[in-house]
Protein backbone atom coordinates (compact mmCIF):
# COMPACT_ATOMS: atom_id res chain seq x y z
CA ALA A 1 12.32 24.29 -11.89
CA GLU A 2 11.57 24.64 -8.17
CA ASP A 3 8.24 26.29 -9.01
CA PHE A 4 7.15 23.47 -11.32
CA GLU A 5 4.11 21.46 -10.20
CA ASP A 6 5.96 18.16 -9.66
CA SER A 7 8.73 19.97 -7.79
CA TYR A 8 6.07 21.40 -5.48
CA ILE A 9 4.58 17.95 -4.90
CA GLY A 10 8.00 16.52 -4.11
CA MET A 11 8.82 19.40 -1.76
CA ARG A 12 5.54 19.11 0.18
CA SER A 13 5.95 15.34 0.44
CA ALA A 14 9.45 15.70 1.85
CA GLU A 15 8.21 18.34 4.30
CA TRP A 16 5.49 15.99 5.51
CA ILE A 17 8.04 13.24 6.17
CA GLU A 18 10.29 15.71 7.97
CA ASN A 19 7.49 16.49 10.44
CA VAL A 20 5.75 13.14 10.93
CA PRO A 21 6.15 11.92 14.58
CA GLU A 22 8.70 9.17 15.21
CA ASP A 23 6.14 6.83 16.78
CA TYR A 24 3.39 7.40 14.21
CA PRO A 25 2.72 4.55 11.69
CA TRP A 26 2.19 6.31 8.39
CA HIS A 27 1.37 5.80 4.72
CA LEU A 28 2.08 8.58 2.23
CA PHE A 29 0.58 8.53 -1.27
CA VAL A 30 2.58 10.87 -3.52
CA SER A 31 0.78 11.51 -6.80
CA PHE A 32 2.91 13.37 -9.33
CA VAL A 33 0.91 14.92 -12.15
CA GLY A 34 3.59 14.31 -14.79
CA PRO A 35 4.81 13.21 -17.19
CA HIS A 36 1.68 14.49 -18.89
CA SER A 37 0.84 16.45 -22.01
CA PRO A 38 1.65 19.11 -23.06
CA PHE A 39 5.12 17.84 -22.00
CA ASP A 40 6.39 21.22 -20.85
CA PRO A 41 9.26 20.54 -18.41
CA PRO A 42 11.27 23.48 -17.06
CA SER A 43 14.01 24.69 -19.40
CA GLU A 44 16.65 23.52 -16.94
CA TYR A 45 15.59 19.93 -17.62
CA ALA A 46 14.46 20.28 -21.23
CA SER A 47 17.86 21.67 -22.25
CA ARG A 48 19.59 18.50 -21.03
CA HIS A 49 17.56 16.42 -23.49
CA ARG A 50 17.63 18.61 -26.61
CA ASN A 51 19.71 15.97 -28.42
CA THR A 52 18.96 12.86 -26.39
CA ASP A 53 18.71 9.70 -28.49
CA VAL A 54 15.20 8.26 -28.23
CA PRO A 55 13.63 5.32 -30.13
CA ASP A 56 11.66 6.10 -33.26
CA PRO A 57 7.90 5.56 -32.93
CA VAL A 58 6.27 2.31 -34.02
CA ILE A 59 4.67 2.74 -37.44
CA SER A 60 1.57 0.77 -38.38
CA SER A 61 -0.97 0.86 -41.18
CA LYS A 62 -4.73 1.09 -40.79
CA GLU A 63 -5.06 -2.51 -41.95
CA GLY A 64 -6.16 -4.81 -39.13
CA LYS A 65 -6.84 -1.90 -36.78
CA PRO A 66 -10.27 -0.78 -35.53
CA LYS A 67 -11.75 2.25 -37.24
CA TYR A 68 -12.03 4.28 -34.03
CA LEU A 69 -8.25 4.70 -34.09
CA GLU A 70 -8.42 6.63 -37.35
CA ASN A 71 -9.91 9.67 -35.60
CA SER A 72 -7.19 9.54 -32.95
CA ARG A 73 -4.17 9.28 -35.23
CA LEU A 74 -2.13 12.47 -35.50
CA ASP A 75 -0.38 13.55 -38.69
CA MET A 76 2.95 14.60 -37.18
CA GLU A 77 6.41 14.84 -38.63
CA LEU A 78 8.97 12.45 -37.16
CA GLU A 79 10.98 15.32 -35.68
CA GLU A 80 7.89 16.54 -33.82
CA VAL A 81 7.43 13.12 -32.25
CA ILE A 82 11.12 12.93 -31.34
CA THR A 83 10.88 16.36 -29.67
CA ALA A 84 7.87 15.23 -27.64
CA ARG A 85 9.75 12.11 -26.55
CA ARG A 86 12.73 14.19 -25.44
CA GLN A 87 10.44 16.47 -23.46
CA TYR A 88 8.92 13.37 -21.88
CA CYS A 89 12.40 12.22 -20.81
CA ALA A 90 13.02 15.62 -19.24
CA SER A 91 9.75 15.44 -17.32
CA ILE A 92 10.69 12.02 -15.97
CA GLU A 93 14.12 13.24 -14.86
CA LEU A 94 12.50 16.03 -12.84
CA ILE A 95 10.22 13.52 -11.10
CA ASP A 96 13.22 11.27 -10.49
CA ASP A 97 14.95 14.14 -8.70
CA GLN A 98 11.88 14.67 -6.51
CA ILE A 99 11.82 11.00 -5.58
CA GLY A 100 15.48 11.42 -4.65
CA ARG A 101 14.49 14.35 -2.44
CA ILE A 102 11.91 12.17 -0.67
CA ILE A 103 14.37 9.32 -0.16
CA ASP A 104 17.02 11.72 1.16
CA THR A 105 14.48 12.92 3.73
CA LEU A 106 13.78 9.34 4.79
CA LYS A 107 17.51 8.81 5.25
CA LYS A 108 17.82 11.95 7.37
CA ARG A 109 15.01 10.69 9.60
CA ASP A 110 16.63 7.21 9.81
CA MET A 111 13.43 5.71 8.41
CA MET A 112 14.86 3.61 5.59
CA ASP A 113 15.01 0.49 7.74
CA ASN A 114 11.26 0.42 8.35
CA THR A 115 9.82 2.06 5.23
CA TYR A 116 8.70 0.40 2.00
CA ILE A 117 8.69 2.40 -1.23
CA ILE A 118 6.46 1.50 -4.17
CA PHE A 119 6.86 3.36 -7.45
CA THR A 120 4.29 2.84 -10.20
CA SER A 121 1.86 4.66 -12.49
CA ASP A 122 -1.81 4.57 -13.39
CA HIS A 123 -1.17 4.39 -17.15
CA GLY A 124 1.46 4.69 -19.85
CA GLU A 125 1.74 6.96 -22.88
CA MET A 126 1.71 6.14 -26.61
CA LEU A 127 4.12 9.00 -27.43
CA GLY A 128 3.64 8.73 -31.18
CA ASP A 129 3.53 4.95 -31.56
CA HIS A 130 0.91 4.08 -34.21
CA ASP A 131 0.55 7.88 -34.71
CA LEU A 132 -1.15 8.02 -31.31
CA PHE A 133 -0.65 10.08 -28.18
CA GLY A 134 -2.33 9.50 -24.83
CA LYS A 135 -3.48 6.42 -22.97
CA VAL A 136 -6.95 5.26 -24.01
CA VAL A 137 -5.86 2.37 -26.24
CA PRO A 138 -5.00 -1.26 -25.36
CA TYR A 139 -1.45 -1.27 -26.74
CA GLU A 140 1.69 -1.91 -24.69
CA PRO A 141 2.94 1.69 -24.38
CA SER A 142 -0.41 2.59 -22.81
CA LEU A 143 -0.88 -0.52 -20.64
CA HIS A 144 2.65 -1.54 -19.65
CA ILE A 145 3.69 0.59 -16.67
CA PRO A 146 6.67 0.67 -14.31
CA LEU A 147 6.56 -1.07 -10.93
CA ILE A 148 9.48 -0.79 -8.51
CA ILE A 149 9.24 -1.99 -4.91
CA ALA A 150 12.01 -1.53 -2.35
CA GLY A 151 12.27 -1.96 1.39
CA PRO A 152 14.15 -3.44 4.34
CA THR A 153 13.18 -7.10 3.67
CA ILE A 154 13.46 -6.97 -0.12
CA GLU A 155 16.68 -7.98 -1.84
CA GLY A 156 17.62 -5.38 -4.45
CA ASP A 157 19.15 -5.54 -7.94
CA ARG A 158 16.52 -7.96 -9.25
CA ILE A 159 14.20 -7.72 -12.24
CA SER A 160 11.02 -9.75 -12.58
CA ASP A 161 9.17 -10.49 -15.81
CA ALA A 162 6.13 -11.81 -13.93
CA ILE A 163 2.72 -10.66 -15.15
CA VAL A 164 1.05 -8.52 -12.48
CA GLU A 165 -1.91 -6.15 -12.21
CA LEU A 166 -2.09 -2.82 -10.46
CA ILE A 167 -4.74 -4.17 -8.05
CA ASP A 168 -2.10 -6.57 -6.67
CA ILE A 169 -0.46 -3.70 -4.81
CA ASN A 170 -3.35 -3.65 -2.30
CA PRO A 171 -2.71 -7.06 -0.66
CA THR A 172 1.04 -6.59 -1.11
CA VAL A 173 0.95 -3.47 1.09
CA CYS A 174 -1.09 -5.39 3.67
CA ASP A 175 1.48 -8.22 3.73
CA LEU A 176 4.42 -5.82 4.04
CA ALA A 177 2.68 -3.94 6.85
CA GLY A 178 1.69 -7.13 8.66
CA VAL A 179 -2.05 -6.47 8.61
CA PRO A 180 -4.89 -8.75 7.38
CA LYS A 181 -5.73 -8.61 3.68
CA LEU A 182 -9.21 -7.69 2.50
CA GLU A 183 -11.53 -10.60 1.78
CA ASN A 184 -13.20 -11.42 -1.54
CA ILE A 185 -10.90 -9.40 -3.77
CA ASP A 186 -9.37 -10.42 -7.09
CA ALA A 187 -5.95 -9.03 -6.18
CA ILE A 188 -3.01 -11.33 -5.42
CA SER A 189 -0.13 -10.32 -3.15
CA LEU A 190 3.27 -9.91 -4.78
CA GLU A 191 5.10 -11.05 -1.66
CA PRO A 192 6.26 -14.39 -3.18
CA ILE A 193 7.89 -12.42 -5.99
CA LEU A 194 9.47 -9.97 -3.56
CA ASP A 195 10.91 -12.59 -1.22
CA GLY A 196 12.18 -14.73 -4.09
CA SER A 197 10.10 -17.80 -3.29
CA SER A 198 8.38 -17.64 -6.71
CA LYS A 199 9.11 -16.26 -10.16
CA ASN A 200 5.56 -16.61 -11.45
CA HIS A 201 2.54 -14.59 -10.42
CA ARG A 202 -0.30 -14.49 -12.94
CA SER A 203 -0.87 -16.38 -16.18
CA ASP A 204 -2.61 -13.34 -17.66
CA ALA A 205 -3.67 -9.74 -17.06
CA VAL A 206 -6.89 -8.04 -18.13
CA ALA A 207 -7.83 -4.44 -18.83
CA SER A 208 -10.87 -2.57 -20.10
CA LEU A 209 -11.77 0.96 -21.08
CA ARG A 210 -14.67 2.52 -22.97
CA GLY A 211 -15.23 0.41 -26.08
CA MET A 212 -12.74 -2.38 -25.52
CA ARG A 213 -11.42 -5.02 -23.16
CA CYS A 214 -8.38 -7.23 -23.50
CA ILE A 215 -6.34 -10.04 -22.02
CA ARG A 216 -2.56 -10.33 -22.16
CA THR A 217 -0.55 -13.49 -21.58
CA GLU A 218 3.21 -13.87 -21.65
CA ARG A 219 3.11 -14.15 -25.44
CA TYR A 220 -0.28 -13.06 -26.79
CA LYS A 221 -2.74 -10.19 -26.45
CA TYR A 222 -6.36 -10.53 -27.47
CA ILE A 223 -8.39 -7.29 -27.78
CA GLU A 224 -12.17 -7.32 -28.01
CA ASN A 225 -13.35 -4.08 -29.59
CA HIS A 226 -17.07 -3.47 -29.11
CA ASN A 227 -18.78 -2.80 -32.47
CA ASP A 228 -15.50 -3.16 -34.37
CA ILE A 229 -12.95 -5.75 -35.47
CA ASP A 230 -11.09 -7.67 -32.76
CA GLU A 231 -7.30 -7.93 -32.57
CA LEU A 232 -4.70 -10.58 -31.73
CA TYR A 233 -0.97 -9.94 -31.46
CA ASP A 234 2.02 -12.20 -30.94
CA LEU A 235 4.06 -10.05 -28.56
CA LEU A 236 7.11 -12.28 -28.96
CA GLU A 237 7.27 -12.01 -32.75
CA ASP A 238 5.58 -8.60 -33.03
CA PRO A 239 6.24 -6.53 -29.88
CA GLY A 240 5.10 -3.37 -31.68
CA GLU A 241 1.61 -4.82 -32.24
CA THR A 242 1.60 -3.97 -35.93
CA ASN A 243 0.28 -7.24 -37.41
CA ASN A 244 -3.22 -8.35 -36.42
CA ILE A 245 -3.17 -12.16 -36.72
CA ILE A 246 -6.67 -12.83 -35.43
CA ALA A 247 -7.86 -14.49 -38.65
CA ASP A 248 -5.07 -17.07 -38.48
CA HIS A 249 -5.70 -18.41 -34.94
CA PRO A 250 -9.42 -19.06 -34.26
CA ASP A 251 -8.74 -21.71 -31.59
CA LEU A 252 -6.35 -19.44 -29.70
CA VAL A 253 -8.84 -16.57 -29.89
CA ARG A 254 -11.59 -18.81 -28.53
CA ASP A 255 -9.39 -19.84 -25.59
CA LEU A 256 -8.25 -16.31 -24.79
CA LYS A 257 -11.78 -14.95 -24.99
CA LYS A 258 -13.02 -17.60 -22.54
CA ARG A 259 -10.14 -16.84 -20.16
CA MET A 260 -10.91 -13.14 -20.36
CA ILE A 261 -14.61 -13.64 -19.62
CA ASP A 262 -13.75 -15.91 -16.69
CA ARG A 263 -11.46 -13.24 -15.28
CA TYR A 264 -14.14 -10.58 -15.50
CA LEU A 265 -16.61 -12.87 -13.73
CA GLU A 266 -14.28 -13.63 -10.80
CA GLY A 267 -16.00 -13.21 -7.49
CA GLY A 268 -19.45 -13.88 -8.90
CA GLY A 269 -20.03 -10.59 -10.70
CA SER A 270 -18.81 -8.66 -13.69
CA ARG A 271 -16.16 -6.00 -13.01
């Protein structure tokens, strides 16, 4: 396990913190490569999750889905998907231990009182939902990522359901560090969420990749697939995104599409 790639990254990160000068303002970006296919955690971790209970994958039909998904769907037995999910859990546990190693080093250096820690990811993983693996689709397992922020001025043991975007971390870091934010950016600082002065952040979030773009509100997600059918899901009634209801809500689709276009034109130019 100590020779695994994410163990190496955690070790080198901790070593860097051990040696950084006391009076040196620093920012360390730790980029773990996992959990990533082929989901091959060390046996020490994989063995702990051989029989771990994991949720069954979301099953959906081809009806109401764009045709490009058909080429991406994998014909896998349920047990194969469950095994992959258990391996994924093992990979996450290894990374969790490396984050613990980094935090322990901060404690040894007495740096916890002036260090902010932000944990997030650049994408999610379908892990068998809709017979898909990977990240290049606009469904929740691919788009919905973890975000944990901790530090000396942030009250812990709180969970926020506010809609945020990954770009919002940029001005948040500036606020926490006490430096001016960049001008003319679409990002919005999360500081009001962190200090408890607000529970709301954004009314929607947008994303785009290859042949699609989408907008997600608290309840609905509208997906515009270029050269294919569009999709609309009620995330409250259908969190698995199995039932495309776009034909039933033309007014809602029109509104969401306008909001999405407006978001992409923020700042006077298309993203």
